[in-house]
Amino acid sequence: MKLIHYIFRNLSIPLLIILTAWACCFYFVIMHEIDDETNDSLENYKEIIIKSVLADSTLLRDHVDIMTKYYIREVPESEAELDKDEFFDSTTYIEIEMEYEPVRVLRTWFMTSDRKYYELTIETSTLEKEDMAEAIFWSIIILYVSLLCCILLVSHFVFKSSFRPLYTLVKWLKEYRPGKQPAPLVNETKVEEFKILNTAIQTAMERNTEMYNQQKQFVENASHELQTPLAICMNKLELLSENPDCTEEQLSEIAGINHTLRGIIKMNKSLLLLSRIDNKQFPDTSEIEFNKLIDRLLPDFKEMYEYKNIQVSYTETCLLTYTMNESLATTLVSNLLKNAFIHNIENGTIAITITSRTLTVANSCDSPKLNEATLFNRFEKQTHKKDSTGLGLAIIKSIASIYGINIKYEYNGLHQFILTFK
């Protein structure tokens, strides 16, 4: 989720709650104000009527007009509740409209000079609260939506403008490539925090580039310094083995040393490759057709391990293509095939299957199911093959991790390595 969307979501929720609460309060305040004003009007009208009746007893009769009417009836003393006013909502039938209309009612009691008690009921037309509520509801909804849209729209432009230096910085970071001098960061801003962030990240990137180049140089130098004496040792051993004075026992020892040195050279190359992979020193990419890659590599492995008489089945259901470095793609497939041939048994089987998204290499082996938890660790040898350095599967895992390829191991009588290309 983008930062601006995250802020909008967190901003919208409290706004929704606040505006909803405000709308409810607004409605009840308006309705209360209407009732309060109507009650005041009724009280004023009550005072006028009572004063008029007390002054002239001939007015002790009902009165009806268009907006207001009142009824006076004599009541016993027991029913009279002096100094008390009752307000309530009711309806009355309007002949002109031929329907019931809402009214606000005031009921009160008073006593005349001859100690007679009367009940005075005053009715006045008022607003239809249901219609009023509906009108207020839709008005609030329109106002609410308009206000919310305006707030979010203004917030969007404000946040987008405010975060522009951050987006520029993120874009600059995404374009950074290890080992290459980063482009100058042009990110003008008046915000102090963004200025500090720009400086800190530029410093970190420069330090990272320097450390990367130093590490790269060290690995290359170390590899070169190791390869040279190892090659010299190999040559001297070959010359020594050609000496006619060497005994069979000495020749056997020389062969053992020679085999060990070859293993060291092989391991040195694998470690150098792993270091280059981990440091992402293979930036170039292209569209790789794995079907053609296997067609090119498989015959060489068949010929190399022909003495094992391994039966190879190759099934293609679709064309499998993926964008990655060509050299690493070749290494990935080579190590998978080599692993299947090296750890196989005589008269064993290898099954290669390609679909539109997966590459599966399965092989027979004299060992049971392997430990998945440590299978792809460096120098992990779960079989006892002399030619194995314990780095082949680690290299496969490193290449797969760089390009987002999922690698999985399964066992169903055959050891299966499944690459899933996302």
Protein backbone atom coordinates (compact mmCIF):
# COMPACT_ATOMS: atom_id res chain seq x y z
CA MET A 1 0.00 0.00 0.00
CA LYS A 2 1.35 3.42 -0.96
CA LEU A 3 2.03 5.93 1.80
CA ILE A 4 -0.51 8.46 0.50
CA HIS A 5 -3.22 5.78 0.33
CA TYR A 6 -2.33 4.62 3.83
CA ILE A 7 -2.68 8.20 5.13
CA PHE A 8 -5.98 8.66 3.26
CA ARG A 9 -7.38 5.50 4.81
CA ASN A 10 -6.37 6.55 8.30
CA LEU A 11 -7.71 10.05 7.66
CA SER A 12 -11.04 8.87 6.21
CA ILE A 13 -11.99 6.67 9.17
CA PRO A 14 -11.90 9.43 11.86
CA LEU A 15 -13.49 11.88 9.41
CA LEU A 16 -16.31 9.41 8.81
CA ILE A 17 -16.90 8.98 12.54
CA ILE A 18 -16.65 12.71 13.32
CA LEU A 19 -18.94 13.83 10.50
CA THR A 20 -21.49 11.12 11.29
CA ALA A 21 -21.56 12.17 14.95
CA TRP A 22 -21.84 15.80 13.87
CA ALA A 23 -24.77 14.96 11.54
CA CYS A 24 -26.65 13.18 14.34
CA CYS A 25 -26.04 16.04 16.78
CA PHE A 26 -27.08 18.57 14.14
CA TYR A 27 -30.37 16.74 13.54
CA PHE A 28 -31.30 16.50 17.22
CA VAL A 29 -30.29 20.11 17.89
CA ILE A 30 -32.46 21.34 15.00
CA MET A 31 -35.47 19.28 16.13
CA HIS A 32 -35.03 20.44 19.73
CA GLU A 33 -34.77 24.05 18.60
CA ILE A 34 -38.00 23.73 16.59
CA ASP A 35 -39.85 22.27 19.60
CA ASP A 36 -38.38 24.91 21.89
CA GLU A 37 -39.49 27.79 19.66
CA THR A 38 -42.96 26.27 19.29
CA ASN A 39 -43.24 25.83 23.07
CA ASP A 40 -42.28 29.47 23.63
CA SER A 41 -44.95 30.54 21.16
CA LEU A 42 -47.55 28.36 22.91
CA GLU A 43 -46.61 29.77 26.32
CA ASN A 44 -46.98 33.32 25.05
CA TYR A 45 -50.34 32.46 23.52
CA LYS A 46 -51.38 30.82 26.81
CA GLU A 47 -50.63 33.99 28.76
CA ILE A 48 -52.70 36.07 26.33
CA ILE A 49 -55.68 33.69 26.47
CA ILE A 50 -55.73 33.36 30.27
CA LYS A 51 -55.45 37.12 30.78
CA SER A 52 -58.27 37.68 28.29
CA VAL A 53 -60.51 35.06 29.92
CA LEU A 54 -59.90 36.38 33.43
CA ALA A 55 -60.76 39.84 32.23
CA ASP A 56 -63.84 38.77 30.30
CA SER A 57 -65.61 35.52 31.27
CA THR A 58 -67.59 35.55 28.02
CA LEU A 59 -64.43 34.37 26.30
CA LEU A 60 -64.66 30.97 28.05
CA ARG A 61 -65.34 29.19 24.81
CA ASP A 62 -63.37 27.29 22.20
CA HIS A 63 -61.61 29.16 19.48
CA VAL A 64 -60.40 27.81 16.13
CA ASP A 65 -58.45 29.51 13.35
CA ILE A 66 -56.22 28.31 10.55
CA MET A 67 -52.91 28.01 12.46
CA THR A 68 -53.91 27.89 16.13
CA LYS A 69 -56.90 26.77 18.12
CA TYR A 70 -57.67 26.30 21.79
CA TYR A 71 -60.24 24.47 23.86
CA ILE A 72 -61.46 25.42 27.34
CA ARG A 73 -63.40 23.07 29.55
CA GLU A 74 -64.34 23.23 33.19
CA VAL A 75 -62.78 20.55 35.38
CA PRO A 76 -63.13 19.61 39.06
CA GLU A 77 -60.51 20.85 41.45
CA SER A 78 -59.06 17.35 41.77
CA GLU A 79 -58.10 17.30 38.08
CA ALA A 80 -56.65 20.77 37.98
CA GLU A 81 -52.86 20.92 38.16
CA LEU A 82 -52.11 24.56 38.62
CA ASP A 83 -48.70 25.96 37.72
CA LYS A 84 -48.06 23.00 35.45
CA ASP A 85 -47.69 23.00 31.67
CA GLU A 86 -47.67 19.85 29.53
CA PHE A 87 -46.14 19.89 26.05
CA PHE A 88 -46.53 17.01 23.60
CA ASP A 89 -46.91 16.22 19.91
CA SER A 90 -50.23 15.15 18.47
CA THR A 91 -52.29 15.24 15.27
CA THR A 92 -55.51 16.96 14.32
CA TYR A 93 -57.85 16.50 11.42
CA ILE A 94 -57.83 19.34 8.89
CA GLU A 95 -61.02 19.40 6.86
CA ILE A 96 -59.54 21.46 4.05
CA GLU A 97 -56.65 19.01 3.64
CA MET A 98 -58.88 16.04 4.53
CA GLU A 99 -56.05 14.47 6.48
CA TYR A 100 -54.37 14.53 9.85
CA GLU A 101 -51.63 17.07 10.33
CA PRO A 102 -49.07 17.30 13.12
CA VAL A 103 -49.61 19.82 15.90
CA ARG A 104 -47.76 20.86 19.02
CA VAL A 105 -50.03 20.84 22.07
CA LEU A 106 -49.86 22.76 25.35
CA ARG A 107 -52.14 21.67 28.16
CA THR A 108 -52.47 23.85 31.27
CA TRP A 109 -54.95 24.69 34.07
CA PHE A 110 -56.11 27.95 35.60
CA MET A 111 -58.64 29.23 38.16
CA THR A 112 -61.06 32.15 37.68
CA SER A 113 -62.05 34.71 40.31
CA ASP A 114 -65.17 32.70 41.20
CA ARG A 115 -62.90 29.74 42.08
CA LYS A 116 -63.82 27.64 39.08
CA TYR A 117 -61.14 25.48 37.48
CA TYR A 118 -60.60 25.19 33.77
CA GLU A 119 -58.38 23.14 31.50
CA LEU A 120 -56.87 25.02 28.57
CA THR A 121 -55.60 23.05 25.57
CA ILE A 122 -53.82 24.97 22.83
CA GLU A 123 -52.86 23.42 19.49
CA THR A 124 -50.66 25.02 16.89
CA SER A 125 -49.56 23.69 13.55
CA THR A 126 -45.97 22.55 13.37
CA LEU A 127 -43.63 20.97 10.88
CA GLU A 128 -44.09 17.35 9.90
CA LYS A 129 -41.12 15.80 11.65
CA GLU A 130 -40.87 12.85 9.28
CA ASP A 131 -40.69 15.18 6.29
CA MET A 132 -38.34 17.42 8.23
CA ALA A 133 -36.15 14.47 9.19
CA GLU A 134 -36.01 13.25 5.59
CA ALA A 135 -35.13 16.73 4.30
CA ILE A 136 -32.44 17.16 6.95
CA PHE A 137 -31.13 13.63 6.28
CA TRP A 138 -30.62 14.18 2.54
CA SER A 139 -29.24 17.67 3.09
CA ILE A 140 -26.72 16.28 5.55
CA ILE A 141 -25.80 13.41 3.21
CA ILE A 142 -25.15 15.82 0.33
CA LEU A 143 -23.22 18.17 2.60
CA TYR A 144 -21.37 15.25 4.20
CA VAL A 145 -20.27 13.68 0.90
CA SER A 146 -19.31 17.06 -0.57
CA LEU A 147 -17.34 18.01 2.52
CA LEU A 148 -15.59 14.63 2.70
CA CYS A 149 -14.67 14.73 -1.00
CA CYS A 150 -13.35 18.27 -0.67
CA ILE A 151 -11.28 17.38 2.39
CA LEU A 152 -9.81 14.27 0.75
CA LEU A 153 -9.18 16.05 -2.54
CA VAL A 154 -7.39 18.93 -0.86
CA SER A 155 -5.49 16.49 1.37
CA HIS A 156 -4.44 14.48 -1.69
CA PHE A 157 -2.87 17.48 -3.41
CA VAL A 158 -1.30 18.73 -0.18
CA PHE A 159 0.21 15.33 0.70
CA LYS A 160 1.32 14.67 -2.87
CA SER A 161 3.06 18.01 -3.02
CA SER A 162 4.57 17.61 0.45
CA PHE A 163 5.86 14.08 -0.24
CA ARG A 164 7.34 14.88 -3.67
CA PRO A 165 10.91 14.96 -2.24
CA LEU A 166 10.31 11.53 -0.70
CA TYR A 167 9.11 10.08 -4.02
CA THR A 168 12.15 11.56 -5.77
CA LEU A 169 14.41 9.94 -3.18
CA VAL A 170 12.68 6.55 -3.53
CA LYS A 171 13.01 6.70 -7.33
CA TRP A 172 16.71 7.53 -6.98
CA LEU A 173 17.22 4.56 -4.64
CA LYS A 174 15.41 2.20 -7.03
CA GLU A 175 17.72 3.23 -9.86
CA TYR A 176 20.83 2.54 -7.77
CA ARG A 177 22.89 -0.47 -8.87
CA PRO A 178 25.60 -2.04 -6.68
CA GLY A 179 29.09 -1.37 -7.98
CA LYS A 180 28.06 1.64 -10.03
CA GLN A 181 28.54 5.21 -8.94
CA PRO A 182 25.07 6.57 -8.09
CA ALA A 183 23.78 9.46 -10.17
CA PRO A 184 23.72 12.89 -8.47
CA LEU A 185 20.64 13.32 -6.30
CA VAL A 186 18.69 16.39 -7.40
CA ASN A 187 16.04 16.77 -4.72
CA GLU A 188 15.38 20.37 -3.71
CA THR A 189 13.25 20.73 -0.59
CA LYS A 190 12.53 23.27 2.13
CA VAL A 191 11.68 20.61 4.71
CA GLU A 192 14.51 20.12 7.20
CA GLU A 193 13.75 16.42 7.77
CA PHE A 194 13.90 15.67 4.04
CA LYS A 195 17.22 17.50 3.78
CA ILE A 196 18.64 15.34 6.59
CA LEU A 197 17.25 12.21 4.91
CA ASN A 198 18.81 13.16 1.56
CA THR A 199 22.22 13.69 3.13
CA ALA A 200 22.07 10.50 5.21
CA ILE A 201 21.06 8.28 2.28
CA GLN A 202 23.63 9.81 -0.08
CA THR A 203 26.35 9.17 2.50
CA ALA A 204 25.13 5.60 3.04
CA MET A 205 25.05 4.89 -0.71
CA GLU A 206 28.55 6.26 -1.22
CA ARG A 207 29.82 4.14 1.67
CA ASN A 208 27.98 1.11 0.32
CA THR A 209 29.47 1.58 -3.16
CA GLU A 210 32.96 1.92 -1.72
CA MET A 211 32.57 -1.22 0.42
CA TYR A 212 31.11 -3.12 -2.52
CA ASN A 213 34.03 -2.23 -4.77
CA GLN A 214 36.53 -3.12 -2.03
CA GLN A 215 34.87 -6.48 -1.45
CA LYS A 216 34.70 -7.18 -5.17
CA GLN A 217 38.38 -6.32 -5.56
CA PHE A 218 39.30 -8.47 -2.56
CA VAL A 219 37.41 -11.51 -3.89
CA GLU A 220 38.95 -11.16 -7.35
CA ASN A 221 42.44 -10.72 -5.91
CA ALA A 222 42.03 -13.60 -3.47
CA SER A 223 40.75 -15.87 -6.22
CA HIS A 224 43.60 -14.92 -8.53
CA GLU A 225 46.22 -15.32 -5.81
CA LEU A 226 44.86 -18.79 -5.01
CA GLN A 227 44.46 -19.95 -8.60
CA THR A 228 48.06 -19.16 -9.54
CA PRO A 229 49.88 -21.23 -6.84
CA LEU A 230 47.34 -24.03 -7.21
CA ALA A 231 47.98 -24.20 -10.96
CA ILE A 232 51.74 -24.20 -10.32
CA CYS A 233 51.34 -27.05 -7.82
CA MET A 234 49.30 -29.03 -10.35
CA ASN A 235 51.96 -28.56 -13.04
CA LYS A 236 54.77 -29.58 -10.70
CA LEU A 237 52.86 -32.69 -9.64
CA GLU A 238 52.36 -33.64 -13.30
CA LEU A 239 56.10 -33.19 -13.93
CA LEU A 240 56.89 -35.20 -10.82
CA SER A 241 54.59 -38.02 -11.89
CA GLU A 242 56.52 -38.26 -15.19
CA ASN A 243 59.77 -38.95 -13.31
CA PRO A 244 60.79 -42.56 -14.09
CA ASP A 245 62.28 -42.95 -10.63
CA CYS A 246 58.86 -42.63 -8.92
CA THR A 247 57.52 -45.79 -7.35
CA GLU A 248 53.93 -46.99 -7.63
CA GLU A 249 53.27 -45.87 -4.08
CA GLN A 250 54.62 -42.38 -4.83
CA LEU A 251 52.55 -42.15 -8.01
CA SER A 252 49.47 -43.12 -6.00
CA GLU A 253 50.19 -40.36 -3.47
CA ILE A 254 50.75 -37.85 -6.27
CA ALA A 255 47.42 -38.82 -7.84
CA GLY A 256 45.69 -38.32 -4.48
CA ILE A 257 47.26 -34.89 -4.02
CA ASN A 258 46.36 -33.99 -7.60
CA HIS A 259 42.73 -34.98 -6.98
CA THR A 260 42.64 -32.88 -3.81
CA LEU A 261 44.06 -29.86 -5.61
CA ARG A 262 41.47 -30.19 -8.38
CA GLY A 263 38.79 -30.20 -5.68
CA ILE A 264 40.27 -27.05 -4.13
CA ILE A 265 40.37 -25.30 -7.53
CA LYS A 266 36.80 -26.32 -8.19
CA MET A 267 35.69 -25.11 -4.74
CA ASN A 268 37.56 -21.83 -5.21
CA LYS A 269 35.72 -21.20 -8.48
CA SER A 270 32.38 -22.06 -6.86
CA LEU A 271 33.02 -19.73 -3.92
CA LEU A 272 34.02 -16.94 -6.31
CA LEU A 273 30.83 -17.49 -8.30
CA LEU A 274 28.73 -17.45 -5.11
CA SER A 275 30.38 -14.22 -4.02
CA ARG A 276 29.68 -12.60 -7.39
CA ILE A 277 26.07 -13.81 -7.29
CA ASP A 278 25.54 -12.51 -3.76
CA ASN A 279 27.04 -9.15 -4.77
CA LYS A 280 24.73 -9.00 -7.82
CA GLN A 281 27.59 -8.69 -10.31
CA PHE A 282 25.47 -10.06 -13.15
CA PRO A 283 23.29 -7.04 -14.03
CA ASP A 284 22.68 -7.85 -17.71
CA THR A 285 19.45 -9.72 -18.42
CA SER A 286 17.68 -11.16 -21.45
CA GLU A 287 14.77 -13.43 -22.29
CA ILE A 288 15.94 -17.02 -21.71
CA GLU A 289 14.25 -20.01 -23.36
CA PHE A 290 14.86 -22.87 -20.94
CA ASN A 291 13.70 -25.47 -23.46
CA LYS A 292 16.56 -24.55 -25.81
CA LEU A 293 18.99 -24.31 -22.89
CA ILE A 294 18.26 -27.87 -21.78
CA ASP A 295 18.42 -29.11 -25.39
CA ARG A 296 21.92 -27.62 -25.60
CA LEU A 297 23.27 -28.86 -22.23
CA LEU A 298 21.64 -32.28 -21.84
CA PRO A 299 23.62 -34.13 -24.60
CA ASP A 300 26.93 -33.12 -22.98
CA PHE A 301 25.90 -34.59 -19.61
CA LYS A 302 24.58 -37.76 -21.26
CA GLU A 303 27.91 -38.25 -22.97
CA MET A 304 29.91 -37.42 -19.84
CA TYR A 305 28.04 -39.94 -17.66
CA GLU A 306 27.38 -42.52 -20.35
CA TYR A 307 29.18 -45.15 -18.29
CA LYS A 308 26.33 -45.08 -15.72
CA ASN A 309 23.78 -46.10 -18.37
CA ILE A 310 21.22 -43.59 -17.02
CA GLN A 311 17.81 -43.46 -18.73
CA VAL A 312 16.75 -39.84 -19.33
CA SER A 313 13.16 -38.80 -20.09
CA TYR A 314 12.49 -35.23 -21.20
CA THR A 315 8.90 -33.90 -21.33
CA GLU A 316 7.99 -30.45 -22.66
CA THR A 317 4.38 -29.29 -22.36
CA CYS A 318 4.97 -25.57 -23.00
CA LEU A 319 7.64 -23.05 -23.83
CA LEU A 320 9.28 -21.78 -20.63
CA THR A 321 10.83 -18.30 -20.85
CA TYR A 322 12.14 -16.06 -18.09
CA THR A 323 14.11 -12.81 -17.93
CA MET A 324 17.48 -13.24 -16.20
CA ASN A 325 21.21 -13.22 -16.82
CA GLU A 326 22.15 -15.73 -19.53
CA SER A 327 25.32 -16.89 -17.78
CA LEU A 328 23.47 -17.51 -14.50
CA ALA A 329 20.65 -19.31 -16.33
CA THR A 330 23.23 -21.66 -17.84
CA THR A 331 24.82 -22.20 -14.41
CA LEU A 332 21.41 -22.84 -12.85
CA VAL A 333 20.43 -25.54 -15.35
CA SER A 334 23.96 -27.03 -15.48
CA ASN A 335 24.08 -27.46 -11.71
CA LEU A 336 20.62 -29.05 -11.66
CA LEU A 337 21.56 -31.55 -14.38
CA LYS A 338 25.00 -32.20 -12.91
CA ASN A 339 23.46 -32.82 -9.48
CA ALA A 340 21.03 -35.33 -11.04
CA PHE A 341 23.81 -37.21 -12.88
CA ILE A 342 26.46 -37.16 -10.12
CA HIS A 343 24.17 -38.47 -7.38
CA ASN A 344 22.47 -41.04 -9.60
CA ILE A 345 23.03 -44.78 -9.58
CA GLU A 346 24.04 -47.08 -12.41
CA ASN A 347 21.07 -47.92 -14.65
CA GLY A 348 19.18 -45.13 -12.86
CA THR A 349 16.66 -42.66 -14.22
CA ILE A 350 16.36 -38.91 -14.70
CA ALA A 351 13.03 -37.23 -15.50
CA ILE A 352 13.02 -33.64 -16.76
CA THR A 353 9.66 -31.87 -17.09
CA ILE A 354 8.97 -28.37 -18.39
CA THR A 355 5.66 -26.53 -18.13
CA SER A 356 4.85 -22.87 -18.75
CA ARG A 357 5.91 -21.93 -15.19
CA THR A 358 7.94 -24.86 -13.77
CA LEU A 359 11.10 -26.83 -14.43
CA THR A 360 11.37 -30.17 -12.61
CA VAL A 361 14.46 -32.40 -12.50
CA ALA A 362 13.96 -35.76 -10.76
CA ASN A 363 16.61 -38.45 -10.32
CA SER A 364 17.02 -41.83 -8.71
CA CYS A 365 19.58 -42.19 -5.92
CA ASP A 366 20.72 -44.78 -3.41
CA SER A 367 20.06 -42.38 -0.50
CA PRO A 368 16.69 -41.88 1.26
CA LYS A 369 14.79 -38.58 1.49
CA LEU A 370 17.13 -35.63 2.12
CA ASN A 371 16.91 -33.12 4.95
CA GLU A 372 15.02 -30.14 3.46
CA ALA A 373 16.03 -27.80 6.31
CA THR A 374 19.76 -27.93 5.45
CA LEU A 375 19.68 -29.16 1.85
CA PHE A 376 20.57 -25.81 0.28
CA ASN A 377 23.16 -24.76 2.88
CA ARG A 378 26.74 -24.22 1.77
CA PHE A 379 29.10 -27.19 2.19
CA GLU A 380 26.11 -29.39 3.05
CA LYS A 381 26.85 -32.92 1.81
CA GLN A 382 23.94 -35.30 2.35
CA THR A 383 25.59 -37.96 0.19
CA HIS A 384 29.21 -39.09 0.20
CA LYS A 385 30.22 -38.47 -3.41
CA LYS A 386 33.92 -37.63 -3.66
CA ASP A 387 33.42 -35.20 -6.55
CA SER A 388 30.89 -33.10 -4.64
CA THR A 389 31.93 -29.76 -3.15
CA GLY A 390 28.65 -29.22 -1.29
CA LEU A 391 28.14 -25.92 -3.11
CA GLY A 392 26.09 -26.92 -6.17
CA LEU A 393 22.66 -26.62 -4.56
CA ALA A 394 23.76 -23.49 -2.67
CA ILE A 395 24.60 -21.86 -6.02
CA ILE A 396 21.21 -22.91 -7.41
CA LYS A 397 19.48 -21.42 -4.35
CA SER A 398 21.41 -18.13 -4.61
CA ILE A 399 20.58 -17.69 -8.31
CA ALA A 400 16.92 -18.54 -7.70
CA SER A 401 16.68 -16.06 -4.82
CA ILE A 402 18.03 -13.17 -6.92
CA TYR A 403 15.38 -13.60 -9.62
CA GLY A 404 12.43 -14.50 -7.41
CA ILE A 405 12.41 -18.14 -8.51
CA ASN A 406 10.99 -20.54 -5.94
CA ILE A 407 12.90 -23.81 -5.51
CA LYS A 408 11.35 -26.77 -3.74
CA TYR A 409 12.51 -30.31 -2.94
CA GLU A 410 10.15 -33.30 -2.92
CA TYR A 411 10.66 -37.05 -2.65
CA ASN A 412 8.38 -39.73 -4.10
CA GLY A 413 10.87 -42.49 -4.79
CA LEU A 414 12.78 -39.99 -6.93
CA HIS A 415 14.54 -36.88 -5.62
CA GLN A 416 12.71 -33.97 -7.26
CA PHE A 417 13.92 -30.39 -7.53
CA ILE A 418 11.15 -28.06 -8.73
CA LEU A 419 11.80 -24.52 -9.93
CA THR A 420 8.71 -22.30 -10.08
CA PHE A 421 9.06 -19.14 -12.16
CA LYS A 422 6.73 -16.37 -10.96
